[in-house]
């Protein structure tokens, strides 16, 4: 039986790469998410540059600022509802946690 170094390298590199992908899955997922978000932002920023004549960096700033404002005001709108639910939960929490 004659085993070549190339065959051994291919045989061991595939499980090693799968192990590294599994071990570093958080980093890989974060990088892929950043790539998708960056691609989407770039499309909108290029559209703003061509149609609205807004400079590219300022367009990116506007996109992120708009997204953060939407998240902030959505949370701010839900805050009274969450506060009311917590107010109702606190008196009943002892009854729920008793066995």
Protein backbone atom coordinates (compact mmCIF):
# COMPACT_ATOMS: atom_id res chain seq x y z
CA UNK A 1 0.00 0.00 0.00
CA UNK A 2 1.42 3.31 -1.11
CA UNK A 3 -0.03 6.40 0.57
CA UNK A 4 0.91 9.75 -0.89
CA UNK A 5 1.39 12.87 1.23
CA UNK A 6 -1.23 14.69 -0.81
CA UNK A 7 -3.86 12.04 -0.04
CA UNK A 8 -3.03 12.11 3.66
CA UNK A 9 -3.18 15.90 3.67
CA UNK A 10 -6.60 15.93 2.00
CA UNK A 11 -7.86 13.19 4.30
CA UNK A 12 -6.85 15.04 7.48
CA UNK A 13 -7.59 18.58 6.28
CA UNK A 14 -11.32 18.02 5.77
CA UNK A 15 -12.04 16.87 9.36
CA UNK A 16 -9.71 19.56 10.68
CA UNK A 17 -11.56 22.28 8.75
CA UNK A 18 -14.92 20.94 9.92
CA UNK A 19 -13.66 20.93 13.51
CA UNK A 20 -12.36 24.49 13.19
CA UNK A 21 -15.65 25.65 11.68
CA UNK A 22 -17.53 24.06 14.57
CA UNK A 23 -15.13 25.41 17.18
CA UNK A 24 -15.10 28.92 15.68
CA UNK A 25 -18.77 28.94 14.67
CA UNK A 26 -19.50 32.10 16.69
CA UNK A 27 -16.80 34.03 14.86
CA UNK A 28 -17.84 32.63 11.48
CA UNK A 29 -21.49 33.52 12.14
CA UNK A 30 -20.51 37.04 13.21
CA UNK A 31 -18.39 37.51 10.09
CA UNK A 32 -21.17 36.26 7.80
CA UNK A 33 -23.71 38.55 9.50
CA UNK A 34 -21.38 41.52 9.10
CA UNK A 35 -20.91 40.65 5.44
CA UNK A 36 -24.66 40.53 4.78
CA UNK A 37 -25.34 43.78 6.67
CA UNK A 38 -22.42 45.51 4.97
CA UNK A 39 -23.62 44.42 1.53
CA UNK A 40 -27.14 45.69 2.21
CA UNK A 41 -25.86 49.03 3.55
CA UNK A 42 -23.55 49.45 0.57
CA UNK A 43 -26.42 49.03 -1.89
CA UNK A 44 -28.50 51.70 -0.13
CA UNK A 45 -25.50 54.04 0.23
CA UNK A 46 -24.67 53.73 -3.47
CA UNK A 47 -28.30 54.43 -4.34
CA UNK A 48 -28.22 57.55 -2.14
CA UNK A 49 -24.99 58.64 -3.80
CA UNK A 50 -26.31 58.25 -7.33
CA UNK A 51 -29.92 59.43 -6.94
CA UNK A 52 -29.83 61.88 -4.03
CA UNK A 53 -26.22 63.10 -4.47
CA UNK A 54 -25.40 62.32 -0.82
CA UNK A 55 -21.73 61.48 -0.15
CA UNK A 56 -21.11 57.78 0.45
CA UNK A 57 -19.86 58.01 4.09
CA UNK A 58 -22.72 60.31 5.06
CA UNK A 59 -25.18 57.91 3.40
CA UNK A 60 -23.83 55.05 5.49
CA UNK A 61 -24.17 57.22 8.60
CA UNK A 62 -27.79 58.04 7.68
CA UNK A 63 -28.64 54.38 7.17
CA UNK A 64 -27.21 53.30 10.52
CA UNK A 65 -28.71 56.31 12.32
CA UNK A 66 -32.14 55.53 10.85
CA UNK A 67 -31.89 51.87 11.84
CA UNK A 68 -30.82 52.74 15.40
CA UNK A 69 -33.63 55.33 15.67
CA UNK A 70 -36.21 52.76 14.55
CA UNK A 71 -34.95 50.27 17.14
CA UNK A 72 -34.88 52.93 19.88
CA UNK A 73 -38.38 54.23 19.23
CA UNK A 74 -39.77 50.71 18.89
CA UNK A 75 -38.35 49.83 22.30
CA UNK A 76 -39.49 53.18 23.70
CA UNK A 77 -43.02 52.48 22.47
CA UNK A 78 -43.07 49.04 24.09
CA UNK A 79 -41.66 50.29 27.39
CA UNK A 80 -45.05 51.28 28.94
CA UNK A 81 -46.53 47.91 28.01
CA UNK A 82 -43.57 46.05 29.53
CA UNK A 83 -43.77 48.23 32.65
CA UNK A 84 -47.46 47.42 33.10
CA UNK A 85 -46.82 43.72 32.71
CA UNK A 86 -44.00 43.83 35.27
CA UNK A 87 -46.27 45.77 37.64
CA UNK A 88 -48.87 42.98 37.35
CA UNK A 89 -46.24 40.24 37.63
CA UNK A 90 -44.58 41.36 40.87
CA UNK A 91 -47.59 40.75 43.19
CA UNK A 92 -48.30 37.39 41.56
CA UNK A 93 -44.67 36.24 41.49
CA UNK A 94 -44.82 34.63 44.95
CA UNK A 95 -47.92 32.68 43.98
CA UNK A 96 -46.29 31.45 40.78
CA UNK A 97 -43.02 30.44 42.44
CA UNK A 98 -44.62 28.57 45.38
CA UNK A 99 -44.64 24.83 44.99
